[in-house]
C-alpha atoms as a PDB file:
ATOM      1  CA  MET A   1     -11.394  35.227 -30.892  1.00  0.00           C
ATOM      2  CA  ASN A   2      -7.841  36.419 -30.865  1.00  0.00           C
ATOM      3  CA  GLN A   3      -5.863  34.778 -28.121  1.00  0.00           C
ATOM      4  CA  LYS A   4      -2.506  35.983 -27.015  1.00  0.00           C
ATOM      5  CA  PRO A   5       0.382  33.581 -27.605  1.00  0.00           C
ATOM      6  CA  GLU A   6       1.060  33.299 -23.869  1.00  0.00           C
ATOM      7  CA  ASP A   7      -2.629  32.337 -23.256  1.00  0.00           C
ATOM      8  CA  ILE A   8      -2.282  29.524 -25.774  1.00  0.00           C
ATOM      9  CA  THR A   9       0.885  28.165 -24.147  1.00  0.00           C
ATOM     10  CA  ILE A  10      -0.657  28.352 -20.637  1.00  0.00           C
ATOM     11  CA  SER A  11      -3.792  26.475 -21.742  1.00  0.00           C
ATOM     12  CA  GLN A  12      -1.665  23.879 -23.572  1.00  0.00           C
ATOM     13  CA  THR A  13       0.517  23.410 -20.479  1.00  0.00           C
ATOM     14  CA  ASN A  14      -2.538  23.040 -18.225  1.00  0.00           C
ATOM     15  CA  HIS A  15      -4.058  20.531 -20.662  1.00  0.00           C
ATOM     16  CA  GLU A  16      -0.796  18.533 -20.771  1.00  0.00           C
ATOM     17  CA  LEU A  17      -0.549  18.478 -16.955  1.00  0.00           C
ATOM     18  CA  GLY A  18      -4.179  17.428 -16.599  1.00  0.00           C
ATOM     19  CA  SER A  19      -3.890  14.637 -19.141  1.00  0.00           C
ATOM     20  CA  ARG A  20      -0.610  13.432 -17.611  1.00  0.00           C
ATOM     21  CA  PHE A  21      -2.228  13.351 -14.138  1.00  0.00           C
ATOM     22  CA  ASP A  22      -5.289  11.513 -15.447  1.00  0.00           C
ATOM     23  CA  CYS A  23      -3.156   8.959 -17.295  1.00  0.00           C
ATOM     24  CA  THR A  24      -0.931   8.350 -14.285  1.00  0.00           C
ATOM     25  CA  TYR A  25      -3.880   7.961 -11.957  1.00  0.00           C
ATOM     26  CA  LEU A  26      -5.731   5.749 -14.426  1.00  0.00           C
ATOM     27  CA  SER A  27      -2.722   3.511 -15.015  1.00  0.00           C
ATOM     28  CA  SER A  28      -2.123   3.246 -11.241  1.00  0.00           C
ATOM     29  CA  THR A  29      -5.756   2.300 -10.731  1.00  0.00           C
ATOM     30  CA  VAL A  30      -5.599  -0.333 -13.464  1.00  0.00           C
ATOM     31  CA  GLU A  31      -2.378  -1.738 -11.991  1.00  0.00           C
ATOM     32  CA  ALA A  32      -4.009  -1.867  -8.542  1.00  0.00           C
ATOM     33  CA  ALA A  33      -6.955  -3.782  -9.987  1.00  0.00           C
ATOM     34  CA  LYS A  34      -4.601  -6.242 -11.708  1.00  0.00           C
ATOM     35  CA  ASP A  35      -2.441  -6.815  -8.620  1.00  0.00           C
ATOM     36  CA  PRO A  36      -3.371 -10.220  -7.129  1.00  0.00           C
ATOM     37  CA  LEU A  37      -2.175  -9.401  -3.595  1.00  0.00           C
ATOM     38  CA  PRO A  38      -5.157  -7.215  -2.550  1.00  0.00           C
ATOM     39  CA  TRP A  39      -7.529  -9.814  -3.986  1.00  0.00           C
ATOM     40  CA  LYS A  40      -5.810 -12.566  -2.003  1.00  0.00           C
ATOM     41  CA  CYS A  41      -5.878 -10.417   1.153  1.00  0.00           C
ATOM     42  CA  MET A  42      -9.592  -9.804   0.707  1.00  0.00           C
ATOM     43  CA  LEU A  43     -10.176 -13.524   0.138  1.00  0.00           C
ATOM     44  CA  TYR A  44      -8.232 -14.327   3.291  1.00  0.00           C
ATOM     45  CA  PHE A  45      -9.945 -11.797   5.578  1.00  0.00           C
ATOM     46  CA  ILE A  46     -13.523 -12.326   4.428  1.00  0.00           C
ATOM     47  CA  PHE A  47     -13.711 -16.011   3.547  1.00  0.00           C
ATOM     48  CA  ILE A  48     -10.862 -17.727   5.409  1.00  0.00           C
ATOM     49  CA  SER A  49      -9.839 -15.785   8.512  1.00  0.00           C
ATOM     50  CA  THR A  50     -13.268 -15.121   9.979  1.00  0.00           C
ATOM     51  CA  PRO A  51     -14.807 -18.613   9.704  1.00  0.00           C
ATOM     52  CA  PHE A  52     -11.518 -20.264  10.649  1.00  0.00           C
ATOM     53  CA  SER A  53     -10.985 -18.100  13.734  1.00  0.00           C
ATOM     54  CA  ILE A  54     -14.563 -18.765  14.922  1.00  0.00           C
ATOM     55  CA  PHE A  55     -14.053 -22.500  14.426  1.00  0.00           C
ATOM     56  CA  ALA A  56     -10.626 -22.456  16.111  1.00  0.00           C
ATOM     57  CA  TYR A  57     -11.905 -20.460  19.088  1.00  0.00           C
ATOM     58  CA  ILE A  58     -14.807 -22.836  19.690  1.00  0.00           C
ATOM     59  CA  TRP A  59     -12.680 -25.940  19.068  1.00  0.00           C
ATOM     60  CA  ILE A  60      -9.803 -24.941  21.325  1.00  0.00           C
ATOM     61  CA  LEU A  61     -11.971 -23.824  24.225  1.00  0.00           C
ATOM     62  CA  SER A  62     -14.246 -26.865  24.065  1.00  0.00           C
ATOM     63  CA  THR A  63     -11.345 -29.300  23.806  1.00  0.00           C
ATOM     64  CA  PHE A  64      -9.498 -27.516  26.611  1.00  0.00           C
ATOM     65  CA  PHE A  65     -12.441 -27.831  28.998  1.00  0.00           C
ATOM     66  CA  ALA A  66     -13.052 -31.424  27.880  1.00  0.00           C
ATOM     67  CA  ALA A  67      -9.379 -32.210  28.509  1.00  0.00           C
ATOM     68  CA  VAL A  68      -9.542 -30.630  31.956  1.00  0.00           C
ATOM     69  CA  GLY A  69     -12.685 -32.666  32.677  1.00  0.00           C
ATOM     70  CA  THR A  70     -11.184 -35.934  31.496  1.00  0.00           C
ATOM     71  CA  SER A  71      -7.964 -35.331  33.440  1.00  0.00           C
ATOM     72  CA  LEU A  72      -9.614 -36.979  36.425  1.00  0.00           C
ATOM     73  CA  ILE A  73      -9.382 -40.311  34.588  1.00  0.00           C
ATOM     74  CA  PRO A  74      -5.604 -40.767  34.338  1.00  0.00           C
ATOM     75  CA  PHE A  75      -4.930 -42.667  31.122  1.00  0.00           C
ATOM     76  CA  ILE A  76      -7.954 -41.462  29.181  1.00  0.00           C
ATOM     77  CA  GLY A  77      -7.300 -37.857  30.223  1.00  0.00           C
ATOM     78  CA  TYR A  78      -3.672 -38.006  29.077  1.00  0.00           C
ATOM     79  CA  PHE A  79      -4.734 -39.457  25.759  1.00  0.00           C
ATOM     80  CA  PHE A  80      -7.247 -36.640  25.184  1.00  0.00           C
ATOM     81  CA  TRP A  81      -4.738 -33.956  26.235  1.00  0.00           C
ATOM     82  CA  TRP A  82      -2.254 -35.368  23.759  1.00  0.00           C
ATOM     83  CA  LEU A  83      -4.814 -35.635  20.948  1.00  0.00           C
ATOM     84  CA  TRP A  84      -6.182 -32.141  21.469  1.00  0.00           C
ATOM     85  CA  ALA A  85      -2.725 -30.618  21.787  1.00  0.00           C
ATOM     86  CA  LEU A  86      -1.945 -32.036  18.357  1.00  0.00           C
ATOM     87  CA  SER A  87      -5.176 -30.538  16.984  1.00  0.00           C
ATOM     88  CA  TRP A  88      -4.212 -27.098  18.345  1.00  0.00           C
ATOM     89  CA  ARG A  89      -0.826 -27.430  16.682  1.00  0.00           C
ATOM     90  CA  SER A  90      -2.584 -28.337  13.424  1.00  0.00           C
ATOM     91  CA  LEU A  91      -4.753 -25.221  13.641  1.00  0.00           C
ATOM     92  CA  GLY A  92      -1.640 -23.079  14.148  1.00  0.00           C
ATOM     93  CA  ARG A  93       0.025 -24.646  11.122  1.00  0.00           C
ATOM     94  CA  ILE A  94      -3.078 -24.061   8.975  1.00  0.00           C
ATOM     95  CA  GLU A  95      -3.157 -20.413  10.081  1.00  0.00           C
ATOM     96  CA  LEU A  96       0.505 -19.940   9.192  1.00  0.00           C
ATOM     97  CA  LEU A  97      -0.092 -21.452   5.768  1.00  0.00           C
ATOM     98  CA  ALA A  98      -3.254 -19.384   5.180  1.00  0.00           C
ATOM     99  CA  THR A  99      -1.620 -16.063   6.055  1.00  0.00           C
ATOM    100  CA  ARG A 100       0.860 -16.653   3.246  1.00  0.00           C
ATOM    101  CA  LEU A 101      -1.925 -15.325   0.996  1.00  0.00           C
ATOM    102  CA  CYS A 102      -1.329 -11.879   2.488  1.00  0.00           C
ATOM    103  CA  SER A 103       2.393 -11.751   1.847  1.00  0.00           C
ATOM    104  CA  GLU A 104       4.468 -10.903  -1.178  1.00  0.00           C
ATOM    105  CA  THR A 105       7.331 -12.985   0.137  1.00  0.00           C
ATOM    106  CA  ASP A 106       6.933 -16.610   0.986  1.00  0.00           C
ATOM    107  CA  PHE A 107       8.602 -18.444   3.825  1.00  0.00           C
ATOM    108  CA  ASP A 108       9.914 -21.939   3.637  1.00  0.00           C
ATOM    109  CA  ILE A 109       7.358 -24.548   4.636  1.00  0.00           C
ATOM    110  CA  GLU A 110      10.139 -26.436   6.407  1.00  0.00           C
ATOM    111  CA  LEU A 111      10.291 -23.581   8.946  1.00  0.00           C
ATOM    112  CA  LEU A 112       6.785 -24.326  10.151  1.00  0.00           C
ATOM    113  CA  PRO A 113       6.576 -26.164  13.464  1.00  0.00           C
ATOM    114  CA  LYS A 114       5.679 -29.799  13.042  1.00  0.00           C
ATOM    115  CA  VAL A 115       2.286 -31.006  14.121  1.00  0.00           C
ATOM    116  CA  TYR A 116       3.796 -34.193  15.483  1.00  0.00           C
ATOM    117  CA  ILE A 117       6.727 -33.935  17.844  1.00  0.00           C
ATOM    118  CA  ASP A 118       9.652 -36.321  17.881  1.00  0.00           C
ATOM    119  CA  LEU A 119       8.844 -38.756  20.647  1.00  0.00           C
ATOM    120  CA  SER A 120      12.426 -39.898  21.156  1.00  0.00           C
ATOM    121  CA  CYS A 121      12.721 -38.151  24.516  1.00  0.00           C
ATOM    122  CA  GLU A 122      12.302 -39.894  27.878  1.00  0.00           C
ATOM    123  CA  CYS A 123       8.739 -38.741  28.328  1.00  0.00           C
ATOM    124  CA  LYS A 124       6.988 -40.105  25.265  1.00  0.00           C
ATOM    125  CA  PHE A 125       3.494 -38.930  26.139  1.00  0.00           C
ATOM    126  CA  PHE A 126       3.822 -35.313  27.235  1.00  0.00           C
ATOM    127  CA  PRO A 127       5.851 -33.438  24.573  1.00  0.00           C
ATOM    128  CA  PRO A 128       2.893 -32.025  22.603  1.00  0.00           C
ATOM    129  CA  ILE A 129       1.193 -30.959  25.821  1.00  0.00           C
ATOM    130  CA  LEU A 130       4.256 -29.281  27.318  1.00  0.00           C
ATOM    131  CA  ASP A 131       5.572 -27.739  24.113  1.00  0.00           C
ATOM    132  CA  LYS A 132       5.689 -23.934  23.936  1.00  0.00           C
ATOM    133  CA  TYR A 133       4.253 -23.882  20.381  1.00  0.00           C
ATOM    134  CA  THR A 134       1.147 -25.761  21.540  1.00  0.00           C
ATOM    135  CA  TRP A 135       0.381 -23.121  24.157  1.00  0.00           C
ATOM    136  CA  ARG A 136       1.205 -20.316  21.728  1.00  0.00           C
ATOM    137  CA  CYS A 137      -1.478 -21.725  19.403  1.00  0.00           C
ATOM    138  CA  PHE A 138      -3.900 -21.833  22.334  1.00  0.00           C
ATOM    139  CA  ALA A 139      -3.199 -18.199  23.303  1.00  0.00           C
ATOM    140  CA  TYR A 140      -3.204 -16.994  19.693  1.00  0.00           C
ATOM    141  CA  PHE A 141      -6.637 -18.388  18.820  1.00  0.00           C
ATOM    142  CA  VAL A 142      -8.332 -17.818  22.170  1.00  0.00           C
ATOM    143  CA  PHE A 143      -7.067 -14.304  22.876  1.00  0.00           C
ATOM    144  CA  ILE A 144      -5.353 -12.571  19.961  1.00  0.00           C
ATOM    145  CA  LYS A 145      -7.135 -13.894  16.882  1.00  0.00           C
ATOM    146  CA  TRP A 146     -10.521 -13.802  18.570  1.00  0.00           C
ATOM    147  CA  PHE A 147      -9.987 -10.153  19.512  1.00  0.00           C
ATOM    148  CA  ILE A 148      -8.675  -8.858  16.165  1.00  0.00           C
ATOM    149  CA  THR A 149     -10.959 -10.809  13.797  1.00  0.00           C
ATOM    150  CA  PRO A 150     -14.010  -8.493  14.110  1.00  0.00           C
ATOM    151  CA  PHE A 151     -11.830  -5.446  13.423  1.00  0.00           C
ATOM    152  CA  THR A 152     -10.006  -6.950  10.456  1.00  0.00           C
ATOM    153  CA  LEU A 153     -13.276  -8.249   8.993  1.00  0.00           C
ATOM    154  CA  ALA A 154     -14.962  -4.836   9.342  1.00  0.00           C
ATOM    155  CA  TYR A 155     -11.951  -3.062   7.843  1.00  0.00           C
ATOM    156  CA  ALA A 156     -11.746  -5.537   4.945  1.00  0.00           C
ATOM    157  CA  LEU A 157     -15.483  -5.211   4.237  1.00  0.00           C
ATOM    158  CA  ILE A 158     -15.281  -1.407   4.252  1.00  0.00           C
ATOM    159  CA  LEU A 159     -12.310  -1.516   1.892  1.00  0.00           C
ATOM    160  CA  PHE A 160     -14.179  -3.977  -0.317  1.00  0.00           C
ATOM    161  CA  LEU A 161     -17.211  -1.687  -0.484  1.00  0.00           C
ATOM    162  CA  ILE A 162     -15.169   1.380  -1.390  1.00  0.00           C
ATOM    163  CA  TRP A 163     -13.204  -0.761  -3.834  1.00  0.00           C
ATOM    164  CA  LEU A 164     -16.297  -0.722  -6.015  1.00  0.00           C
ATOM    165  CA  LEU A 165     -15.943   3.045  -6.424  1.00  0.00           C
ATOM    166  CA  PRO A 166     -13.267   3.614  -9.115  1.00  0.00           C
ATOM    167  CA  PRO A 167     -11.636   6.652  -7.473  1.00  0.00           C
ATOM    168  CA  CYS A 168     -11.104   4.657  -4.264  1.00  0.00           C
ATOM    169  CA  LEU A 169      -9.700   1.502  -5.851  1.00  0.00           C
ATOM    170  CA  LEU A 170      -6.079   2.522  -5.391  1.00  0.00           C
ATOM    171  CA  LEU A 171      -6.595   3.518  -1.742  1.00  0.00           C
ATOM    172  CA  SER A 172      -8.529   0.356  -1.011  1.00  0.00           C
ATOM    173  CA  SER A 173      -5.885  -1.872  -2.615  1.00  0.00           C
ATOM    174  CA  ASN A 174      -3.141  -0.271  -0.565  1.00  0.00           C
ATOM    175  CA  GLY A 175      -5.245  -0.587   2.596  1.00  0.00           C
ATOM    176  CA  LEU A 176      -5.857  -4.293   2.013  1.00  0.00           C
ATOM    177  CA  ILE A 177      -2.171  -4.904   1.366  1.00  0.00           C
ATOM    178  CA  LEU A 178      -1.252  -3.045   4.572  1.00  0.00           C
ATOM    179  CA  LEU A 179      -3.824  -5.015   6.586  1.00  0.00           C
ATOM    180  CA  GLY A 180      -2.570  -8.267   5.084  1.00  0.00           C
ATOM    181  CA  LYS A 181       1.061  -7.481   5.886  1.00  0.00           C
ATOM    182  CA  MET A 182       0.163  -6.623   9.474  1.00  0.00           C
ATOM    183  CA  GLN A 183      -1.756  -9.903   9.876  1.00  0.00           C
ATOM    184  CA  TYR A 184       1.099 -11.872   8.311  1.00  0.00           C
ATOM    185  CA  LYS A 185       3.682 -10.279  10.627  1.00  0.00           C
ATOM    186  CA  LEU A 186       1.523 -10.783  13.728  1.00  0.00           C
ATOM    187  CA  THR A 187       0.856 -14.438  12.963  1.00  0.00           C
ATOM    188  CA  ARG A 188       4.457 -15.126  12.071  1.00  0.00           C
ATOM    189  CA  GLN A 189       5.829 -13.346  15.161  1.00  0.00           C
ATOM    190  CA  PHE A 190       3.431 -15.027  17.524  1.00  0.00           C
ATOM    191  CA  LEU A 191       3.443 -18.568  16.161  1.00  0.00           C
ATOM    192  CA  LEU A 192       6.760 -18.916  14.396  1.00  0.00           C
ATOM    193  CA  ASP A 193       9.456 -16.666  15.845  1.00  0.00           C
ATOM    194  CA  ASP A 194      11.048 -17.439  19.167  1.00  0.00           C
END
């Protein structure tokens, strides 16, 4: 029953270190659960990104082939090219706005490319069709977004499942934030930056 004084101080030090570690880890876990950014990233990847990218892929490809088919009829074909180019630009703008969920910083909405283009140039009918942003939206949804969506969805679902395990909450939150930042940067670089 007699303990040496040094044994008592060692056990007290170990107990203090253990309780400090547990408190730090617990407070970090609670802070991670309270942080809205991982929740918004999860919402974006599971409920917004996947259905939207499937819709955009189908819409852009079907309208592209319909526009190519109607190009044989001069005035009707031009009208459909113009209309569908504007719809592709709208999809790009929606994607840029939706990825703001995954970012801590917000960009100015005025920086977003306009859906409608100023028609004050000589060629009043072709600007949306010939604009670089229109074709960036086409390439983004048909090639890039369509390719990365299954991976980001799988990663987000795995992180969501391990999120339910309390020891993994902190890791999962950080993983979702990292995935969200990567998606935000990719979308912004491809659709917004020249």
